Amino acid sequence: MAKLWLNECARVFHDRLIDDTDRDWFIDLAMDLMQREFRSNIDRDQVFGTERLMVGDILKLDAPKKLYEVIVD
């Protein structure tokens, strides 16, 4: 659940920020909230580094219920 929340926040907010100062502020805030509210120790580079976190419901198109899963490749 925490990864999905972070992915959605990044897509809605981080992707629209216009400079590195704002993007760094967002990343720091998001990582703090992940640790504090979700007790998650996800690594910053997993989400905002070269290996970005991606979550979607497209991996199993024929599933009777949409399943959000981490997309690894």
PDB file of N, CA and C in Angstrom:
ATOM      1  N   MET A   1       0.816  -1.192   0.000  1.00  0.00           N
ATOM      2  CA  MET A   1       0.000   0.000   0.000  1.00  0.00           C
ATOM      3  C   MET A   1       0.861   1.257   0.000  1.00  0.00           C
ATOM      4  N   ALA A   2       1.949   1.221   0.763  1.00  0.00           N
ATOM      5  CA  ALA A   2       2.825   2.392   0.854  1.00  0.00           C
ATOM      6  C   ALA A   2       3.460   2.713  -0.491  1.00  0.00           C
ATOM      7  N   LYS A   3       3.879   1.685  -1.218  1.00  0.00           N
ATOM      8  CA  LYS A   3       4.499   1.919  -2.525  1.00  0.00           C
ATOM      9  C   LYS A   3       3.499   2.512  -3.505  1.00  0.00           C
ATOM     10  N   LEU A   4       2.262   2.049  -3.454  1.00  0.00           N
ATOM     11  CA  LEU A   4       1.229   2.600  -4.326  1.00  0.00           C
ATOM     12  C   LEU A   4       0.983   4.067  -3.992  1.00  0.00           C
ATOM     13  N   TRP A   5       0.887   4.393  -2.704  1.00  0.00           N
ATOM     14  CA  TRP A   5       0.682   5.781  -2.286  1.00  0.00           C
ATOM     15  C   TRP A   5       1.813   6.667  -2.792  1.00  0.00           C
ATOM     16  N   LEU A   6       3.043   6.208  -2.616  1.00  0.00           N
ATOM     17  CA  LEU A   6       4.193   6.995  -3.033  1.00  0.00           C
ATOM     18  C   LEU A   6       4.235   7.157  -4.546  1.00  0.00           C
ATOM     19  N   ASN A   7       3.926   6.105  -5.269  1.00  0.00           N
ATOM     20  CA  ASN A   7       3.895   6.174  -6.724  1.00  0.00           C
ATOM     21  C   ASN A   7       2.870   7.205  -7.198  1.00  0.00           C
ATOM     22  N   GLU A   8       1.679   7.173  -6.630  1.00  0.00           N
ATOM     23  CA  GLU A   8       0.634   8.114  -7.038  1.00  0.00           C
ATOM     24  C   GLU A   8       1.007   9.554  -6.694  1.00  0.00           C
ATOM     25  N   CYS A   9       1.568   9.773  -5.521  1.00  0.00           N
ATOM     26  CA  CYS A   9       2.003  11.129  -5.144  1.00  0.00           C
ATOM     27  C   CYS A   9       3.082  11.636  -6.087  1.00  0.00           C
ATOM     28  N   ALA A  10       4.002  10.769  -6.435  1.00  0.00           N
ATOM     29  CA  ALA A  10       5.076  11.171  -7.339  1.00  0.00           C
ATOM     30  C   ALA A  10       4.528  11.522  -8.712  1.00  0.00           C
ATOM     31  N   ARG A  11       3.586  10.750  -9.206  1.00  0.00           N
ATOM     32  CA  ARG A  11       3.026  11.024 -10.534  1.00  0.00           C
ATOM     33  C   ARG A  11       2.185  12.303 -10.532  1.00  0.00           C
ATOM     34  N   VAL A  12       1.465  12.541  -9.461  1.00  0.00           N
ATOM     35  CA  VAL A  12       0.577  13.707  -9.398  1.00  0.00           C
ATOM     36  C   VAL A  12       1.342  14.984  -9.080  1.00  0.00           C
ATOM     37  N   PHE A  13       2.302  14.919  -8.163  1.00  0.00           N
ATOM     38  CA  PHE A  13       2.979  16.132  -7.713  1.00  0.00           C
ATOM     39  C   PHE A  13       4.403  16.267  -8.261  1.00  0.00           C
ATOM     40  N   HIS A  14       5.250  15.291  -7.994  1.00  0.00           N
ATOM     41  CA  HIS A  14       6.664  15.389  -8.367  1.00  0.00           C
ATOM     42  C   HIS A  14       6.846  15.642  -9.856  1.00  0.00           C
ATOM     43  N   ASP A  15       6.098  14.963 -10.702  1.00  0.00           N
ATOM     44  CA  ASP A  15       6.253  15.099 -12.148  1.00  0.00           C
ATOM     45  C   ASP A  15       5.896  16.488 -12.657  1.00  0.00           C
ATOM     46  N   ARG A  16       5.199  17.288 -11.860  1.00  0.00           N
ATOM     47  CA  ARG A  16       4.786  18.618 -12.296  1.00  0.00           C
ATOM     48  C   ARG A  16       5.662  19.747 -11.743  1.00  0.00           C
ATOM     49  N   LEU A  17       6.588  19.410 -10.872  1.00  0.00           N
ATOM     50  CA  LEU A  17       7.448  20.441 -10.288  1.00  0.00           C
ATOM     51  C   LEU A  17       8.465  20.913 -11.320  1.00  0.00           C
ATOM     52  N   ILE A  18       8.829  22.201 -11.243  1.00  0.00           N
ATOM     53  CA  ILE A  18       9.591  22.802 -12.337  1.00  0.00           C
ATOM     54  C   ILE A  18      11.080  22.990 -12.075  1.00  0.00           C
ATOM     55  N   ASP A  19      11.535  22.797 -10.848  1.00  0.00           N
ATOM     56  CA  ASP A  19      12.973  22.947 -10.616  1.00  0.00           C
ATOM     57  C   ASP A  19      13.464  21.936  -9.578  1.00  0.00           C
ATOM     58  N   ASP A  20      14.777  21.769  -9.537  1.00  0.00           N
ATOM     59  CA  ASP A  20      15.376  20.766  -8.661  1.00  0.00           C
ATOM     60  C   ASP A  20      15.163  21.068  -7.183  1.00  0.00           C
ATOM     61  N   THR A  21      15.099  22.339  -6.824  1.00  0.00           N
ATOM     62  CA  THR A  21      14.859  22.702  -5.426  1.00  0.00           C
ATOM     63  C   THR A  21      13.511  22.172  -4.966  1.00  0.00           C
ATOM     64  N   ASP A  22      12.470  22.389  -5.762  1.00  0.00           N
ATOM     65  CA  ASP A  22      11.138  21.893  -5.413  1.00  0.00           C
ATOM     66  C   ASP A  22      11.081  20.372  -5.436  1.00  0.00           C
ATOM     67  N   ARG A  23      11.736  19.753  -6.428  1.00  0.00           N
ATOM     68  CA  ARG A  23      11.739  18.285  -6.509  1.00  0.00           C
ATOM     69  C   ARG A  23      12.460  17.674  -5.306  1.00  0.00           C
ATOM     70  N   ASP A  24      13.577  18.270  -4.887  1.00  0.00           N
ATOM     71  CA  ASP A  24      14.297  17.772  -3.707  1.00  0.00           C
ATOM     72  C   ASP A  24      13.450  17.927  -2.450  1.00  0.00           C
ATOM     73  N   TRP A  25      12.753  19.060  -2.319  1.00  0.00           N
ATOM     74  CA  TRP A  25      11.858  19.277  -1.170  1.00  0.00           C
ATOM     75  C   TRP A  25      10.777  18.197  -1.143  1.00  0.00           C
ATOM     76  N   PHE A  26      10.171  17.916  -2.297  1.00  0.00           N
ATOM     77  CA  PHE A  26       9.116  16.905  -2.367  1.00  0.00           C
ATOM     78  C   PHE A  26       9.652  15.532  -1.977  1.00  0.00           C
ATOM     79  N   ILE A  27      10.811  15.176  -2.500  1.00  0.00           N
ATOM     80  CA  ILE A  27      11.395  13.866  -2.209  1.00  0.00           C
ATOM     81  C   ILE A  27      11.665  13.721  -0.721  1.00  0.00           C
ATOM     82  N   ASP A  28      12.252  14.751  -0.117  1.00  0.00           N
ATOM     83  CA  ASP A  28      12.520  14.705   1.328  1.00  0.00           C
ATOM     84  C   ASP A  28      11.226  14.538   2.119  1.00  0.00           C
ATOM     85  N   LEU A  29      10.205  15.286   1.754  1.00  0.00           N
ATOM     86  CA  LEU A  29       8.911  15.200   2.437  1.00  0.00           C
ATOM     87  C   LEU A  29       8.289  13.815   2.258  1.00  0.00           C
ATOM     88  N   ALA A  30       8.285  13.322   1.039  1.00  0.00           N
ATOM     89  CA  ALA A  30       7.682  12.019   0.758  1.00  0.00           C
ATOM     90  C   ALA A  30       8.400  10.900   1.508  1.00  0.00           C
ATOM     91  N   MET A  31       9.723  10.938   1.541  1.00  0.00           N
ATOM     92  CA  MET A  31      10.472   9.902   2.234  1.00  0.00           C
ATOM     93  C   MET A  31      10.232   9.978   3.741  1.00  0.00           C
ATOM     94  N   ASP A  32      10.129  11.190   4.286  1.00  0.00           N
ATOM     95  CA  ASP A  32       9.818  11.351   5.705  1.00  0.00           C
ATOM     96  C   ASP A  32       8.439  10.776   6.028  1.00  0.00           C
ATOM     97  N   LEU A  33       7.464  11.071   5.188  1.00  0.00           N
ATOM     98  CA  LEU A  33       6.112  10.549   5.410  1.00  0.00           C
ATOM     99  C   LEU A  33       6.063   9.029   5.276  1.00  0.00           C
ATOM    100  N   MET A  34       6.827   8.483   4.333  1.00  0.00           N
ATOM    101  CA  MET A  34       6.866   7.025   4.173  1.00  0.00           C
ATOM    102  C   MET A  34       7.385   6.363   5.454  1.00  0.00           C
ATOM    103  N   GLN A  35       8.425   6.935   6.034  1.00  0.00           N
ATOM    104  CA  GLN A  35       8.989   6.354   7.253  1.00  0.00           C
ATOM    105  C   GLN A  35       8.072   6.557   8.446  1.00  0.00           C
ATOM    106  N   ARG A  36       7.504   7.745   8.551  1.00  0.00           N
ATOM    107  CA  ARG A  36       6.705   8.079   9.735  1.00  0.00           C
ATOM    108  C   ARG A  36       5.326   7.435   9.708  1.00  0.00           C
ATOM    109  N   GLU A  37       4.618   7.537   8.603  1.00  0.00           N
ATOM    110  CA  GLU A  37       3.224   7.088   8.544  1.00  0.00           C
ATOM    111  C   GLU A  37       3.067   5.626   8.131  1.00  0.00           C
ATOM    112  N   PHE A  38       3.948   5.147   7.262  1.00  0.00           N
ATOM    113  CA  PHE A  38       3.840   3.773   6.776  1.00  0.00           C
ATOM    114  C   PHE A  38       4.887   2.855   7.396  1.00  0.00           C
ATOM    115  N   ARG A  39       5.802   3.424   8.181  1.00  0.00           N
ATOM    116  CA  ARG A  39       6.895   2.662   8.775  1.00  0.00           C
ATOM    117  C   ARG A  39       7.655   1.869   7.710  1.00  0.00           C
ATOM    118  N   SER A  40       7.844   2.515   6.580  1.00  0.00           N
ATOM    119  CA  SER A  40       8.530   1.896   5.457  1.00  0.00           C
ATOM    120  C   SER A  40       9.956   2.408   5.382  1.00  0.00           C
ATOM    121  N   ASN A  41      10.867   1.527   5.092  1.00  0.00           N
ATOM    122  CA  ASN A  41      12.257   1.935   4.943  1.00  0.00           C
ATOM    123  C   ASN A  41      12.706   1.803   3.492  1.00  0.00           C
ATOM    124  N   ILE A  42      11.802   2.064   2.567  1.00  0.00           N
ATOM    125  CA  ILE A  42      12.112   2.015   1.142  1.00  0.00           C
ATOM    126  C   ILE A  42      13.242   3.000   0.852  1.00  0.00           C
ATOM    127  N   ASP A  43      14.131   2.607  -0.011  1.00  0.00           N
ATOM    128  CA  ASP A  43      15.287   3.424  -0.353  1.00  0.00           C
ATOM    129  C   ASP A  43      14.892   4.535  -1.330  1.00  0.00           C
ATOM    130  N   ARG A  44      15.425   5.716  -1.094  1.00  0.00           N
ATOM    131  CA  ARG A  44      15.119   6.889  -1.927  1.00  0.00           C
ATOM    132  C   ARG A  44      15.400   6.623  -3.408  1.00  0.00           C
ATOM    133  N   ASP A  45      16.492   5.922  -3.708  1.00  0.00           N
ATOM    134  CA  ASP A  45      16.846   5.652  -5.102  1.00  0.00           C
ATOM    135  C   ASP A  45      15.894   4.682  -5.783  1.00  0.00           C
ATOM    136  N   GLN A  46      15.200   3.841  -4.996  1.00  0.00           N
ATOM    137  CA  GLN A  46      14.229   2.921  -5.581  1.00  0.00           C
ATOM    138  C   GLN A  46      13.057   3.677  -6.183  1.00  0.00           C
ATOM    139  N   VAL A  47      12.775   4.841  -5.653  1.00  0.00           N
ATOM    140  CA  VAL A  47      11.616   5.599  -6.100  1.00  0.00           C
ATOM    141  C   VAL A  47      12.011   6.731  -7.030  1.00  0.00           C
ATOM    142  N   PHE A  48      13.058   7.449  -6.668  1.00  0.00           N
ATOM    143  CA  PHE A  48      13.397   8.661  -7.399  1.00  0.00           C
ATOM    144  C   PHE A  48      14.751   8.590  -8.101  1.00  0.00           C
ATOM    145  N   GLY A  49      15.409   7.453  -8.055  1.00  0.00           N
ATOM    146  CA  GLY A  49      16.700   7.297  -8.723  1.00  0.00           C
ATOM    147  C   GLY A  49      16.528   6.809 -10.147  1.00  0.00           C
ATOM    148  N   THR A  50      17.556   6.191 -10.657  1.00  0.00           N
ATOM    149  CA  THR A  50      17.502   5.696 -12.036  1.00  0.00           C
ATOM    150  C   THR A  50      16.571   4.494 -12.167  1.00  0.00           C
ATOM    151  N   GLU A  51      16.386   3.763 -11.071  1.00  0.00           N
ATOM    152  CA  GLU A  51      15.465   2.629 -11.075  1.00  0.00           C
ATOM    153  C   GLU A  51      14.170   3.050 -10.404  1.00  0.00           C
ATOM    154  N   ARG A  52      13.381   3.858 -11.078  1.00  0.00           N
ATOM    155  CA  ARG A  52      12.185   4.444 -10.488  1.00  0.00           C
ATOM    156  C   ARG A  52      11.112   3.395 -10.214  1.00  0.00           C
ATOM    157  N   LEU A  53      10.398   3.606  -9.144  1.00  0.00           N
ATOM    158  CA  LEU A  53       9.279   2.752  -8.763  1.00  0.00           C
ATOM    159  C   LEU A  53       8.105   3.019  -9.699  1.00  0.00           C
ATOM    160  N   MET A  54       7.553   1.956 -10.261  1.00  0.00           N
ATOM    161  CA  MET A  54       6.367   2.085 -11.100  1.00  0.00           C
ATOM    162  C   MET A  54       5.330   1.070 -10.631  1.00  0.00           C
ATOM    163  N   VAL A  55       4.099   1.516 -10.521  1.00  0.00           N
ATOM    164  CA  VAL A  55       2.996   0.663 -10.100  1.00  0.00           C
ATOM    165  C   VAL A  55       1.881   0.819 -11.115  1.00  0.00           C
ATOM    166  N   GLY A  56       1.250  -0.286 -11.462  1.00  0.00           N
ATOM    167  CA  GLY A  56       0.158  -0.202 -12.417  1.00  0.00           C
ATOM    168  C   GLY A  56      -0.739  -1.421 -12.348  1.00  0.00           C
ATOM    169  N   ASP A  57      -1.836  -1.351 -13.082  1.00  0.00           N
ATOM    170  CA  ASP A  57      -2.785  -2.465 -13.121  1.00  0.00           C
ATOM    171  C   ASP A  57      -2.798  -3.130 -14.495  1.00  0.00           C
ATOM    172  N   ILE A  58      -1.729  -2.961 -15.248  1.00  0.00           N
ATOM    173  CA  ILE A  58      -1.693  -3.464 -16.620  1.00  0.00           C
ATOM    174  C   ILE A  58      -1.005  -4.817 -16.768  1.00  0.00           C
ATOM    175  N   LEU A  59      -0.480  -5.366 -15.691  1.00  0.00           N
ATOM    176  CA  LEU A  59       0.242  -6.628 -15.805  1.00  0.00           C
ATOM    177  C   LEU A  59      -0.687  -7.819 -16.035  1.00  0.00           C
ATOM    178  N   LYS A  60      -1.885  -7.736 -15.525  1.00  0.00           N
ATOM    179  CA  LYS A  60      -2.859  -8.823 -15.680  1.00  0.00           C
ATOM    180  C   LYS A  60      -4.167  -8.222 -16.183  1.00  0.00           C
ATOM    181  N   LEU A  61      -4.213  -7.968 -17.472  1.00  0.00           N
ATOM    182  CA  LEU A  61      -5.379  -7.299 -18.062  1.00  0.00           C
ATOM    183  C   LEU A  61      -6.654  -8.125 -17.956  1.00  0.00           C
ATOM    184  N   ASP A  62      -6.533  -9.437 -17.896  1.00  0.00           N
ATOM    185  CA  ASP A  62      -7.711 -10.291 -17.846  1.00  0.00           C
ATOM    186  C   ASP A  62      -8.173 -10.615 -16.425  1.00  0.00           C
ATOM    187  N   ALA A  63      -7.548 -10.011 -15.431  1.00  0.00           N
ATOM    188  CA  ALA A  63      -7.940 -10.264 -14.036  1.00  0.00           C
ATOM    189  C   ALA A  63      -9.340  -9.719 -13.784  1.00  0.00           C
ATOM    190  N   PRO A  64     -10.178 -10.471 -13.065  1.00  0.00           N
ATOM    191  CA  PRO A  64     -11.549 -10.014 -12.804  1.00  0.00           C
ATOM    192  C   PRO A  64     -11.588  -8.732 -11.958  1.00  0.00           C
ATOM    193  N   LYS A  65     -10.561  -8.536 -11.146  1.00  0.00           N
ATOM    194  CA  LYS A  65     -10.467  -7.335 -10.325  1.00  0.00           C
ATOM    195  C   LYS A  65      -9.114  -6.693 -10.618  1.00  0.00           C
ATOM    196  N   LYS A  66      -9.094  -5.381 -10.816  1.00  0.00           N
ATOM    197  CA  LYS A  66      -7.842  -4.682 -11.112  1.00  0.00           C
ATOM    198  C   LYS A  66      -6.888  -4.797  -9.922  1.00  0.00           C
ATOM    199  N   LEU A  67      -5.689  -5.245 -10.193  1.00  0.00           N
ATOM    200  CA  LEU A  67      -4.672  -5.439  -9.174  1.00  0.00           C
ATOM    201  C   LEU A  67      -3.517  -4.486  -9.436  1.00  0.00           C
ATOM    202  N   TYR A  68      -3.213  -3.633  -8.484  1.00  0.00           N
ATOM    203  CA  TYR A  68      -2.052  -2.762  -8.615  1.00  0.00           C
ATOM    204  C   TYR A  68      -0.825  -3.507  -8.141  1.00  0.00           C
ATOM    205  N   GLU A  69       0.166  -3.614  -9.021  1.00  0.00           N
ATOM    206  CA  GLU A  69       1.381  -4.339  -8.717  1.00  0.00           C
ATOM    207  C   GLU A  69       2.583  -3.497  -9.103  1.00  0.00           C
ATOM    208  N   VAL A  70       3.703  -3.758  -8.440  1.00  0.00           N
ATOM    209  CA  VAL A  70       4.942  -3.083  -8.783  1.00  0.00           C
ATOM    210  C   VAL A  70       5.419  -3.631 -10.134  1.00  0.00           C
ATOM    211  N   ILE A  71       5.723  -2.728 -11.063  1.00  0.00           N
ATOM    212  CA  ILE A  71       6.230  -3.108 -12.386  1.00  0.00           C
ATOM    213  C   ILE A  71       7.746  -3.092 -12.304  1.00  0.00           C
ATOM    214  N   VAL A  72       8.370  -4.234 -12.518  1.00  0.00           N
ATOM    215  CA  VAL A  72       9.809  -4.334 -12.347  1.00  0.00           C
ATOM    216  C   VAL A  72      10.593  -4.183 -13.650  1.00  0.00           C
ATOM    217  N   ASP A  73       9.961  -4.360 -14.786  1.00  0.00           N
ATOM    218  CA  ASP A  73      10.670  -4.147 -16.054  1.00  0.00           C
ATOM    219  C   ASP A  73       9.726  -3.724 -17.154  1.00  0.00           C
TER     220      ASP A  73
END
